[in-house]
PDB file of N, CA and C in Angstrom:
ATOM      1  N   MET A   1      -1.483  18.573   7.816  1.00  0.00           N
ATOM      2  CA  MET A   1      -0.845  17.283   8.082  1.00  0.00           C
ATOM      3  C   MET A   1      -1.554  16.473   9.166  1.00  0.00           C
ATOM      4  N   PRO A   2      -2.111  17.092  10.221  1.00  0.00           N
ATOM      5  CA  PRO A   2      -2.757  16.273  11.255  1.00  0.00           C
ATOM      6  C   PRO A   2      -3.889  15.383  10.706  1.00  0.00           C
ATOM      7  N   ALA A   3      -4.707  15.930   9.811  1.00  0.00           N
ATOM      8  CA  ALA A   3      -5.802  15.124   9.249  1.00  0.00           C
ATOM      9  C   ALA A   3      -5.248  13.992   8.386  1.00  0.00           C
ATOM     10  N   TYR A   4      -4.199  14.256   7.639  1.00  0.00           N
ATOM     11  CA  TYR A   4      -3.576  13.233   6.802  1.00  0.00           C
ATOM     12  C   TYR A   4      -3.015  12.100   7.662  1.00  0.00           C
ATOM     13  N   ILE A   5      -2.290  12.458   8.692  1.00  0.00           N
ATOM     14  CA  ILE A   5      -1.704  11.455   9.588  1.00  0.00           C
ATOM     15  C   ILE A   5      -2.805  10.680  10.311  1.00  0.00           C
ATOM     16  N   ALA A   6      -3.844  11.368  10.751  1.00  0.00           N
ATOM     17  CA  ALA A   6      -4.963  10.690  11.426  1.00  0.00           C
ATOM     18  C   ALA A   6      -5.624   9.688  10.484  1.00  0.00           C
ATOM     19  N   SER A   7      -5.751  10.040   9.209  1.00  0.00           N
ATOM     20  CA  SER A   7      -6.366   9.100   8.260  1.00  0.00           C
ATOM     21  C   SER A   7      -5.495   7.865   8.065  1.00  0.00           C
ATOM     22  N   LYS A   8      -4.176   8.036   8.080  1.00  0.00           N
ATOM     23  CA  LYS A   8      -3.268   6.881   7.962  1.00  0.00           C
ATOM     24  C   LYS A   8      -3.435   5.948   9.168  1.00  0.00           C
ATOM     25  N   HIS A   9      -3.536   6.518  10.352  1.00  0.00           N
ATOM     26  CA  HIS A   9      -3.741   5.703  11.551  1.00  0.00           C
ATOM     27  C   HIS A   9      -5.101   5.006  11.513  1.00  0.00           C
ATOM     28  N   ALA A  10      -6.092   5.676  10.955  1.00  0.00           N
ATOM     29  CA  ALA A  10      -7.418   5.068  10.843  1.00  0.00           C
ATOM     30  C   ALA A  10      -7.388   3.838   9.934  1.00  0.00           C
ATOM     31  N   VAL A  11      -6.643   3.911   8.852  1.00  0.00           N
ATOM     32  CA  VAL A  11      -6.535   2.768   7.936  1.00  0.00           C
ATOM     33  C   VAL A  11      -5.909   1.575   8.662  1.00  0.00           C
ATOM     34  N   ILE A  12      -4.871   1.820   9.425  1.00  0.00           N
ATOM     35  CA  ILE A  12      -4.215   0.739  10.176  1.00  0.00           C
ATOM     36  C   ILE A  12      -5.192   0.150  11.197  1.00  0.00           C
ATOM     37  N   GLY A  13      -5.902   1.006  11.914  1.00  0.00           N
ATOM     38  CA  GLY A  13      -6.865   0.527  12.904  1.00  0.00           C
ATOM     39  C   GLY A  13      -7.966  -0.307  12.280  1.00  0.00           C
ATOM     40  N   LEU A  14      -8.520   0.135  11.175  1.00  0.00           N
ATOM     41  CA  LEU A  14      -9.568  -0.638  10.497  1.00  0.00           C
ATOM     42  C   LEU A  14      -9.022  -1.964   9.983  1.00  0.00           C
ATOM     43  N   THR A  15      -7.799  -1.944   9.465  1.00  0.00           N
ATOM     44  CA  THR A  15      -7.190  -3.167   8.945  1.00  0.00           C
ATOM     45  C   THR A  15      -6.997  -4.199  10.058  1.00  0.00           C
ATOM     46  N   LYS A  16      -6.703  -3.731  11.259  1.00  0.00           N
ATOM     47  CA  LYS A  16      -6.498  -4.652  12.380  1.00  0.00           C
ATOM     48  C   LYS A  16      -7.815  -5.177  12.955  1.00  0.00           C
ATOM     49  N   THR A  17      -8.877  -4.367  12.913  1.00  0.00           N
ATOM     50  CA  THR A  17     -10.125  -4.784  13.547  1.00  0.00           C
ATOM     51  C   THR A  17     -11.118  -5.426  12.592  1.00  0.00           C
ATOM     52  N   ALA A  18     -11.104  -5.080  11.325  1.00  0.00           N
ATOM     53  CA  ALA A  18     -12.094  -5.591  10.372  1.00  0.00           C
ATOM     54  C   ALA A  18     -12.106  -7.120  10.241  1.00  0.00           C
ATOM     55  N   PRO A  19     -10.963  -7.795  10.228  1.00  0.00           N
ATOM     56  CA  PRO A  19     -10.999  -9.251  10.043  1.00  0.00           C
ATOM     57  C   PRO A  19     -11.807  -9.987  11.119  1.00  0.00           C
ATOM     58  N   GLY A  20     -11.884  -9.437  12.309  1.00  0.00           N
ATOM     59  CA  GLY A  20     -12.618 -10.114  13.377  1.00  0.00           C
ATOM     60  C   GLY A  20     -14.072 -10.358  13.035  1.00  0.00           C
ATOM     61  N   GLY A  21     -14.675  -9.490  12.265  1.00  0.00           N
ATOM     62  CA  GLY A  21     -16.074  -9.639  11.933  1.00  0.00           C
ATOM     63  C   GLY A  21     -16.345 -10.327  10.616  1.00  0.00           C
ATOM     64  N   ILE A  22     -15.348 -10.463   9.750  1.00  0.00           N
ATOM     65  CA  ILE A  22     -15.629 -11.009   8.416  1.00  0.00           C
ATOM     66  C   ILE A  22     -14.756 -12.191   8.004  1.00  0.00           C
ATOM     67  N   ALA A  23     -13.824 -12.595   8.826  1.00  0.00           N
ATOM     68  CA  ALA A  23     -12.916 -13.692   8.461  1.00  0.00           C
ATOM     69  C   ALA A  23     -13.667 -14.992   8.195  1.00  0.00           C
ATOM     70  N   ARG A  24     -14.716 -15.244   8.929  1.00  0.00           N
ATOM     71  CA  ARG A  24     -15.466 -16.496   8.735  1.00  0.00           C
ATOM     72  C   ARG A  24     -16.155 -16.563   7.377  1.00  0.00           C
ATOM     73  N   GLN A  25     -16.361 -15.419   6.740  1.00  0.00           N
ATOM     74  CA  GLN A  25     -16.939 -15.413   5.388  1.00  0.00           C
ATOM     75  C   GLN A  25     -15.858 -15.572   4.311  1.00  0.00           C
ATOM     76  N   GLY A  26     -14.624 -15.768   4.731  1.00  0.00           N
ATOM     77  CA  GLY A  26     -13.533 -15.958   3.780  1.00  0.00           C
ATOM     78  C   GLY A  26     -12.997 -14.656   3.204  1.00  0.00           C
ATOM     79  N   ILE A  27     -13.258 -13.558   3.877  1.00  0.00           N
ATOM     80  CA  ILE A  27     -12.792 -12.255   3.401  1.00  0.00           C
ATOM     81  C   ILE A  27     -11.517 -11.881   4.149  1.00  0.00           C
ATOM     82  N   ARG A  28     -10.510 -11.522   3.382  1.00  0.00           N
ATOM     83  CA  ARG A  28      -9.245 -11.092   3.980  1.00  0.00           C
ATOM     84  C   ARG A  28      -9.156  -9.573   3.929  1.00  0.00           C
ATOM     85  N   VAL A  29      -8.472  -9.009   4.885  1.00  0.00           N
ATOM     86  CA  VAL A  29      -8.288  -7.559   4.935  1.00  0.00           C
ATOM     87  C   VAL A  29      -6.797  -7.265   5.007  1.00  0.00           C
ATOM     88  N   ASN A  30      -6.320  -6.458   4.080  1.00  0.00           N
ATOM     89  CA  ASN A  30      -4.921  -6.061   4.043  1.00  0.00           C
ATOM     90  C   ASN A  30      -4.844  -4.566   3.788  1.00  0.00           C
ATOM     91  N   ALA A  31      -3.741  -3.974   4.141  1.00  0.00           N
ATOM     92  CA  ALA A  31      -3.502  -2.560   3.844  1.00  0.00           C
ATOM     93  C   ALA A  31      -2.108  -2.420   3.258  1.00  0.00           C
ATOM     94  N   VAL A  32      -1.965  -1.483   2.365  1.00  0.00           N
ATOM     95  CA  VAL A  32      -0.670  -1.162   1.780  1.00  0.00           C
ATOM     96  C   VAL A  32      -0.339   0.256   2.220  1.00  0.00           C
ATOM     97  N   CYS A  33       0.774   0.407   2.901  1.00  0.00           N
ATOM     98  CA  CYS A  33       1.199   1.709   3.433  1.00  0.00           C
ATOM     99  C   CYS A  33       2.609   2.003   2.944  1.00  0.00           C
ATOM    100  N   PRO A  34       2.739   2.531   1.733  1.00  0.00           N
ATOM    101  CA  PRO A  34       4.057   2.637   1.119  1.00  0.00           C
ATOM    102  C   PRO A  34       4.950   3.782   1.567  1.00  0.00           C
ATOM    103  N   GLY A  35       4.454   4.753   2.271  1.00  0.00           N
ATOM    104  CA  GLY A  35       5.263   5.923   2.594  1.00  0.00           C
ATOM    105  C   GLY A  35       5.159   6.948   1.478  1.00  0.00           C
ATOM    106  N   PRO A  36       6.142   7.837   1.341  1.00  0.00           N
ATOM    107  CA  PRO A  36       6.044   8.887   0.327  1.00  0.00           C
ATOM    108  C   PRO A  36       5.992   8.319  -1.095  1.00  0.00           C
ATOM    109  N   VAL A  37       5.042   8.819  -1.879  1.00  0.00           N
ATOM    110  CA  VAL A  37       4.841   8.351  -3.250  1.00  0.00           C
ATOM    111  C   VAL A  37       5.080   9.515  -4.205  1.00  0.00           C
ATOM    112  N   ASP A  38       5.705   9.229  -5.312  1.00  0.00           N
ATOM    113  CA  ASP A  38       6.031  10.254  -6.304  1.00  0.00           C
ATOM    114  C   ASP A  38       4.756  10.701  -7.032  1.00  0.00           C
ATOM    115  N   THR A  39       4.032  11.616  -6.393  1.00  0.00           N
ATOM    116  CA  THR A  39       2.785  12.147  -6.943  1.00  0.00           C
ATOM    117  C   THR A  39       2.768  13.664  -6.802  1.00  0.00           C
ATOM    118  N   ARG A  40       1.744  14.290  -7.371  1.00  0.00           N
ATOM    119  CA  ARG A  40       1.599  15.738  -7.224  1.00  0.00           C
ATOM    120  C   ARG A  40       1.476  16.133  -5.761  1.00  0.00           C
ATOM    121  N   MET A  41       0.855  15.266  -4.939  1.00  0.00           N
ATOM    122  CA  MET A  41       0.665  15.615  -3.538  1.00  0.00           C
ATOM    123  C   MET A  41       1.998  15.833  -2.820  1.00  0.00           C
ATOM    124  N   ILE A  42       2.951  14.935  -3.006  1.00  0.00           N
ATOM    125  CA  ILE A  42       4.236  15.079  -2.313  1.00  0.00           C
ATOM    126  C   ILE A  42       5.006  16.277  -2.863  1.00  0.00           C
ATOM    127  N   HIS A  43       4.899  16.512  -4.156  1.00  0.00           N
ATOM    128  CA  HIS A  43       5.608  17.653  -4.738  1.00  0.00           C
ATOM    129  C   HIS A  43       4.967  18.971  -4.305  1.00  0.00           C
ATOM    130  N   SER A  44       3.660  18.972  -4.118  1.00  0.00           N
ATOM    131  CA  SER A  44       2.976  20.156  -3.586  1.00  0.00           C
ATOM    132  C   SER A  44       3.429  20.432  -2.157  1.00  0.00           C
ATOM    133  N   LEU A  45       3.566  19.379  -1.369  1.00  0.00           N
ATOM    134  CA  LEU A  45       4.044  19.527   0.001  1.00  0.00           C
ATOM    135  C   LEU A  45       5.469  20.081   0.021  1.00  0.00           C
ATOM    136  N   GLU A  46       6.313  19.582  -0.865  1.00  0.00           N
ATOM    137  CA  GLU A  46       7.685  20.091  -0.955  1.00  0.00           C
ATOM    138  C   GLU A  46       7.686  21.592  -1.243  1.00  0.00           C
ATOM    139  N   ALA A  47       6.821  22.009  -2.171  1.00  0.00           N
ATOM    140  CA  ALA A  47       6.754  23.425  -2.542  1.00  0.00           C
ATOM    141  C   ALA A  47       6.241  24.275  -1.387  1.00  0.00           C
ATOM    142  N   GLN A  48       5.296  23.745  -0.617  1.00  0.00           N
ATOM    143  CA  GLN A  48       4.777  24.488   0.532  1.00  0.00           C
ATOM    144  C   GLN A  48       5.845  24.686   1.600  1.00  0.00           C
ATOM    145  N   LEU A  49       6.721  23.709   1.728  1.00  0.00           N
ATOM    146  CA  LEU A  49       7.747  23.783   2.763  1.00  0.00           C
ATOM    147  C   LEU A  49       8.918  24.683   2.371  1.00  0.00           C
ATOM    148  N   ASN A  50       9.156  24.814   1.067  1.00  0.00           N
ATOM    149  CA  ASN A  50      10.254  25.677   0.613  1.00  0.00           C
ATOM    150  C   ASN A  50       9.924  26.181  -0.791  1.00  0.00           C
ATOM    151  N   LEU A  51       9.264  27.325  -0.854  1.00  0.00           N
ATOM    152  CA  LEU A  51       8.877  27.886  -2.146  1.00  0.00           C
ATOM    153  C   LEU A  51      10.070  28.216  -3.023  1.00  0.00           C
ATOM    154  N   ALA A  52      11.177  28.609  -2.414  1.00  0.00           N
ATOM    155  CA  ALA A  52      12.362  28.994  -3.180  1.00  0.00           C
ATOM    156  C   ALA A  52      13.051  27.790  -3.818  1.00  0.00           C
ATOM    157  N   ASP A  53      13.067  26.667  -3.116  1.00  0.00           N
ATOM    158  CA  ASP A  53      13.781  25.486  -3.624  1.00  0.00           C
ATOM    159  C   ASP A  53      13.083  24.196  -3.180  1.00  0.00           C
ATOM    160  N   PRO A  54      11.909  23.879  -3.786  1.00  0.00           N
ATOM    161  CA  PRO A  54      11.206  22.664  -3.386  1.00  0.00           C
ATOM    162  C   PRO A  54      12.008  21.393  -3.637  1.00  0.00           C
ATOM    163  N   ALA A  55      12.897  21.426  -4.625  1.00  0.00           N
ATOM    164  CA  ALA A  55      13.704  20.233  -4.917  1.00  0.00           C
ATOM    165  C   ALA A  55      14.607  19.878  -3.739  1.00  0.00           C
ATOM    166  N   SER A  56      15.045  20.883  -2.973  1.00  0.00           N
ATOM    167  CA  SER A  56      15.899  20.596  -1.819  1.00  0.00           C
ATOM    168  C   SER A  56      15.121  19.822  -0.753  1.00  0.00           C
ATOM    169  N   VAL A  57      13.834  20.122  -0.621  1.00  0.00           N
ATOM    170  CA  VAL A  57      13.001  19.371   0.319  1.00  0.00           C
ATOM    171  C   VAL A  57      12.886  17.926  -0.153  1.00  0.00           C
ATOM    172  N   GLY A  58      12.657  17.746  -1.455  1.00  0.00           N
ATOM    173  CA  GLY A  58      12.568  16.400  -2.015  1.00  0.00           C
ATOM    174  C   GLY A  58      13.838  15.605  -1.808  1.00  0.00           C
ATOM    175  N   ARG A  59      14.967  16.237  -2.038  1.00  0.00           N
ATOM    176  CA  ARG A  59      16.249  15.531  -1.833  1.00  0.00           C
ATOM    177  C   ARG A  59      16.416  15.119  -0.366  1.00  0.00           C
ATOM    178  N   ARG A  60      16.047  16.029   0.550  1.00  0.00           N
ATOM    179  CA  ARG A  60      16.179  15.720   1.978  1.00  0.00           C
ATOM    180  C   ARG A  60      15.236  14.574   2.364  1.00  0.00           C
ATOM    181  N   TYR A  61      13.986  14.629   1.916  1.00  0.00           N
ATOM    182  CA  TYR A  61      13.035  13.545   2.211  1.00  0.00           C
ATOM    183  C   TYR A  61      13.553  12.214   1.663  1.00  0.00           C
ATOM    184  N   GLN A  62      13.954  12.240   0.397  1.00  0.00           N
ATOM    185  CA  GLN A  62      14.355  10.995  -0.254  1.00  0.00           C
ATOM    186  C   GLN A  62      15.628  10.406   0.331  1.00  0.00           C
ATOM    187  N   SER A  63      16.501  11.237   0.867  1.00  0.00           N
ATOM    188  CA  SER A  63      17.730  10.709   1.469  1.00  0.00           C
ATOM    189  C   SER A  63      17.427   9.904   2.740  1.00  0.00           C
ATOM    190  N   ALA A  64      16.262  10.142   3.351  1.00  0.00           N
ATOM    191  CA  ALA A  64      15.893   9.412   4.565  1.00  0.00           C
ATOM    192  C   ALA A  64      15.140   8.119   4.261  1.00  0.00           C
ATOM    193  N   ILE A  65      14.810   7.882   3.002  1.00  0.00           N
ATOM    194  CA  ILE A  65      14.085   6.672   2.596  1.00  0.00           C
ATOM    195  C   ILE A  65      15.114   5.595   2.275  1.00  0.00           C
ATOM    196  N   PRO A  66      14.936   4.366   2.776  1.00  0.00           N
ATOM    197  CA  PRO A  66      15.950   3.322   2.542  1.00  0.00           C
ATOM    198  C   PRO A  66      16.330   3.114   1.071  1.00  0.00           C
ATOM    199  N   ILE A  67      15.363   3.206   0.139  1.00  0.00           N
ATOM    200  CA  ILE A  67      15.727   3.009  -1.274  1.00  0.00           C
ATOM    201  C   ILE A  67      16.232   4.300  -1.924  1.00  0.00           C
ATOM    202  N   GLY A  68      16.222   5.402  -1.170  1.00  0.00           N
ATOM    203  CA  GLY A  68      16.793   6.644  -1.645  1.00  0.00           C
ATOM    204  C   GLY A  68      15.930   7.437  -2.614  1.00  0.00           C
ATOM    205  N   ARG A  69      14.668   7.077  -2.747  1.00  0.00           N
ATOM    206  CA  ARG A  69      13.761   7.785  -3.654  1.00  0.00           C
ATOM    207  C   ARG A  69      12.327   7.502  -3.252  1.00  0.00           C
ATOM    208  N   TYR A  70      11.407   8.286  -3.821  1.00  0.00           N
ATOM    209  CA  TYR A  70       9.993   8.021  -3.601  1.00  0.00           C
ATOM    210  C   TYR A  70       9.596   6.778  -4.388  1.00  0.00           C
ATOM    211  N   VAL A  71       8.642   6.055  -3.868  1.00  0.00           N
ATOM    212  CA  VAL A  71       8.084   4.923  -4.595  1.00  0.00           C
ATOM    213  C   VAL A  71       7.120   5.476  -5.651  1.00  0.00           C
ATOM    214  N   THR A  72       6.908   4.743  -6.733  1.00  0.00           N
ATOM    215  CA  THR A  72       5.990   5.205  -7.778  1.00  0.00           C
ATOM    216  C   THR A  72       4.637   4.517  -7.634  1.00  0.00           C
ATOM    217  N   PRO A  73       3.571   5.130  -8.139  1.00  0.00           N
ATOM    218  CA  PRO A  73       2.260   4.475  -8.096  1.00  0.00           C
ATOM    219  C   PRO A  73       2.265   3.108  -8.784  1.00  0.00           C
ATOM    220  N   ASP A  74       3.002   2.984  -9.889  1.00  0.00           N
ATOM    221  CA  ASP A  74       3.075   1.688 -10.583  1.00  0.00           C
ATOM    222  C   ASP A  74       3.715   0.617  -9.704  1.00  0.00           C
ATOM    223  N   GLU A  75       4.721   0.985  -8.934  1.00  0.00           N
ATOM    224  CA  GLU A  75       5.362   0.013  -8.045  1.00  0.00           C
ATOM    225  C   GLU A  75       4.383  -0.466  -6.973  1.00  0.00           C
ATOM    226  N   ILE A  76       3.572   0.441  -6.465  1.00  0.00           N
ATOM    227  CA  ILE A  76       2.574   0.052  -5.464  1.00  0.00           C
ATOM    228  C   ILE A  76       1.560  -0.900  -6.088  1.00  0.00           C
ATOM    229  N   ALA A  77       1.067  -0.554  -7.274  1.00  0.00           N
ATOM    230  CA  ALA A  77       0.090  -1.415  -7.951  1.00  0.00           C
ATOM    231  C   ALA A  77       0.680  -2.795  -8.246  1.00  0.00           C
ATOM    232  N   ASN A  78       1.921  -2.835  -8.704  1.00  0.00           N
ATOM    233  CA  ASN A  78       2.560  -4.127  -8.996  1.00  0.00           C
ATOM    234  C   ASN A  78       2.736  -4.964  -7.734  1.00  0.00           C
ATOM    235  N   THR A  79       3.060  -4.320  -6.629  1.00  0.00           N
ATOM    236  CA  THR A  79       3.200  -5.039  -5.361  1.00  0.00           C
ATOM    237  C   THR A  79       1.865  -5.629  -4.936  1.00  0.00           C
ATOM    238  N   CYS A  80       0.801  -4.839  -5.064  1.00  0.00           N
ATOM    239  CA  CYS A  80      -0.534  -5.339  -4.700  1.00  0.00           C
ATOM    240  C   CYS A  80      -0.926  -6.524  -5.580  1.00  0.00           C
ATOM    241  N   CYS A  81      -0.656  -6.416  -6.879  1.00  0.00           N
ATOM    242  CA  CYS A  81      -0.977  -7.526  -7.791  1.00  0.00           C
ATOM    243  C   CYS A  81      -0.175  -8.776  -7.447  1.00  0.00           C
ATOM    244  N   PHE A  82       1.095  -8.587  -7.114  1.00  0.00           N
ATOM    245  CA  PHE A  82       1.941  -9.729  -6.765  1.00  0.00           C
ATOM    246  C   PHE A  82       1.436 -10.425  -5.509  1.00  0.00           C
ATOM    247  N   CYS A  83       0.968  -9.649  -4.554  1.00  0.00           N
ATOM    248  CA  CYS A  83       0.536 -10.211  -3.279  1.00  0.00           C
ATOM    249  C   CYS A  83      -0.878 -10.784  -3.319  1.00  0.00           C
ATOM    250  N   ALA A  84      -1.641 -10.427  -4.327  1.00  0.00           N
ATOM    251  CA  ALA A  84      -3.018 -10.919  -4.411  1.00  0.00           C
ATOM    252  C   ALA A  84      -3.019 -12.430  -4.644  1.00  0.00           C
ATOM    253  N   PRO A  85      -3.869 -13.179  -3.938  1.00  0.00           N
ATOM    254  CA  PRO A  85      -3.847 -14.642  -4.061  1.00  0.00           C
ATOM    255  C   PRO A  85      -4.219 -15.144  -5.448  1.00  0.00           C
ATOM    256  N   THR A  86      -4.934 -14.367  -6.236  1.00  0.00           N
ATOM    257  CA  THR A  86      -5.329 -14.820  -7.573  1.00  0.00           C
ATOM    258  C   THR A  86      -4.498 -14.172  -8.662  1.00  0.00           C
ATOM    259  N   SER A  87      -3.430 -13.526  -8.283  1.00  0.00           N
ATOM    260  CA  SER A  87      -2.603 -12.823  -9.247  1.00  0.00           C
ATOM    261  C   SER A  87      -1.876 -13.791 -10.174  1.00  0.00           C
ATOM    262  N   PRO A  88      -1.940 -13.540 -11.489  1.00  0.00           N
ATOM    263  CA  PRO A  88      -1.172 -14.378 -12.418  1.00  0.00           C
ATOM    264  C   PRO A  88       0.324 -14.314 -12.133  1.00  0.00           C
ATOM    265  N   ARG A  89       0.789 -13.189 -11.584  1.00  0.00           N
ATOM    266  CA  ARG A  89       2.216 -13.076 -11.268  1.00  0.00           C
ATOM    267  C   ARG A  89       2.603 -13.994 -10.124  1.00  0.00           C
ATOM    268  N   ARG A  90       1.670 -14.218  -9.214  1.00  0.00           N
ATOM    269  CA  ARG A  90       1.970 -15.065  -8.066  1.00  0.00           C
ATOM    270  C   ARG A  90       1.639 -16.525  -8.362  1.00  0.00           C
ATOM    271  N   SER A  91       0.583 -16.755  -9.116  1.00  0.00           N
ATOM    272  CA  SER A  91       0.138 -18.110  -9.443  1.00  0.00           C
ATOM    273  C   SER A  91       0.049 -18.247 -10.956  1.00  0.00           C
ATOM    274  N   PRO A  92       1.163 -18.498 -11.626  1.00  0.00           N
ATOM    275  CA  PRO A  92       1.140 -18.523 -13.082  1.00  0.00           C
ATOM    276  C   PRO A  92       0.265 -19.620 -13.662  1.00  0.00           C
ATOM    277  N   VAL A  93       0.059 -20.709 -12.934  1.00  0.00           N
ATOM    278  CA  VAL A  93      -0.782 -21.792 -13.426  1.00  0.00           C
ATOM    279  C   VAL A  93      -1.949 -21.962 -12.469  1.00  0.00           C
ATOM    280  N   ARG A  94      -3.153 -21.713 -12.981  1.00  0.00           N
ATOM    281  CA  ARG A  94      -4.336 -21.857 -12.148  1.00  0.00           C
ATOM    282  C   ARG A  94      -5.270 -22.850 -12.803  1.00  0.00           C
ATOM    283  N   ASN A  95      -5.794 -23.762 -12.038  1.00  0.00           N
ATOM    284  CA  ASN A  95      -6.753 -24.732 -12.533  1.00  0.00           C
ATOM    285  C   ASN A  95      -8.137 -24.286 -12.093  1.00  0.00           C
ATOM    286  N   THR A  96      -8.885 -23.664 -12.993  1.00  0.00           N
ATOM    287  CA  THR A  96     -10.201 -23.148 -12.636  1.00  0.00           C
ATOM    288  C   THR A  96     -11.275 -24.221 -12.697  1.00  0.00           C
ATOM    289  N   SER A  97     -10.952 -25.397 -13.194  1.00  0.00           N
ATOM    290  CA  SER A  97     -11.958 -26.453 -13.290  1.00  0.00           C
ATOM    291  C   SER A  97     -11.913 -27.393 -12.082  1.00  0.00           C
ATOM    292  N   SER A  98     -11.074 -27.127 -11.131  1.00  0.00           N
ATOM    293  CA  SER A  98     -10.936 -27.991  -9.966  1.00  0.00           C
ATOM    294  C   SER A  98     -12.192 -27.981  -9.115  1.00  0.00           C
ATOM    295  N   THR A  99     -12.525 -29.134  -8.567  1.00  0.00           N
ATOM    296  CA  THR A  99     -13.668 -29.225  -7.648  1.00  0.00           C
ATOM    297  C   THR A  99     -13.187 -29.301  -6.207  1.00  0.00           C
ATOM    298  N   ALA A 100     -11.902 -29.152  -6.006  1.00  0.00           N
ATOM    299  CA  ALA A 100     -11.355 -29.196  -4.647  1.00  0.00           C
ATOM    300  C   ALA A 100     -11.853 -27.986  -3.874  1.00  0.00           C
ATOM    301  N   PRO A 101     -12.077 -28.160  -2.579  1.00  0.00           N
ATOM    302  CA  PRO A 101     -12.525 -27.006  -1.777  1.00  0.00           C
ATOM    303  C   PRO A 101     -11.443 -25.934  -1.707  1.00  0.00           C
ATOM    304  N   ALA A 102     -11.884 -24.717  -1.583  1.00  0.00           N
ATOM    305  CA  ALA A 102     -10.947 -23.602  -1.479  1.00  0.00           C
ATOM    306  C   ALA A 102     -10.187 -23.694  -0.166  1.00  0.00           C
ATOM    307  N   PRO A 103      -8.935 -23.276  -0.144  1.00  0.00           N
ATOM    308  CA  PRO A 103      -8.173 -23.294   1.110  1.00  0.00           C
ATOM    309  C   PRO A 103      -8.786 -22.295   2.081  1.00  0.00           C
ATOM    310  N   PRO A 104      -8.551 -22.491   3.374  1.00  0.00           N
ATOM    311  CA  PRO A 104      -9.090 -21.551   4.352  1.00  0.00           C
ATOM    312  C   PRO A 104      -8.477 -20.177   4.158  1.00  0.00           C
ATOM    313  N   PRO A 105      -9.221 -19.131   4.506  1.00  0.00           N
ATOM    314  CA  PRO A 105      -8.684 -17.773   4.329  1.00  0.00           C
ATOM    315  C   PRO A 105      -7.520 -17.505   5.271  1.00  0.00           C
ATOM    316  N   VAL A 106      -6.609 -16.669   4.799  1.00  0.00           N
ATOM    317  CA  VAL A 106      -5.481 -16.252   5.605  1.00  0.00           C
ATOM    318  C   VAL A 106      -5.818 -14.881   6.183  1.00  0.00           C
ATOM    319  N   VAL A 107      -5.815 -14.758   7.481  1.00  0.00           N
ATOM    320  CA  VAL A 107      -6.119 -13.498   8.121  1.00  0.00           C
ATOM    321  C   VAL A 107      -4.832 -12.947   8.725  1.00  0.00           C
ATOM    322  N   ARG A 108      -4.470 -11.744   8.305  1.00  0.00           N
ATOM    323  CA  ARG A 108      -3.238 -11.126   8.793  1.00  0.00           C
ATOM    324  C   ARG A 108      -3.561  -9.929   9.604  1.00  0.00           C
TER     325      ARG A 108
END
């Protein structure tokens, strides 16, 4: 777990510092940190913590999550697509023939 947690902190640190060097080129930097995801990794962790009843670990973890369950990979992907500035879900009508200058980049 220490290496996993350290990698999560590294992603946050890079996300905060990277825009300083590339924002002027119009590049935005964002990170998605969803918490526990319904994947083999989380289920493997549950089994490691309680070989006799891994489902009890899952129930305990999920009860502490505001939505009461693990998020799914599809939900993460859909959120990223929705938030992307060129996403059809966010911008249903796009005029690709416009000669107007692009808006300035948003740095978060």
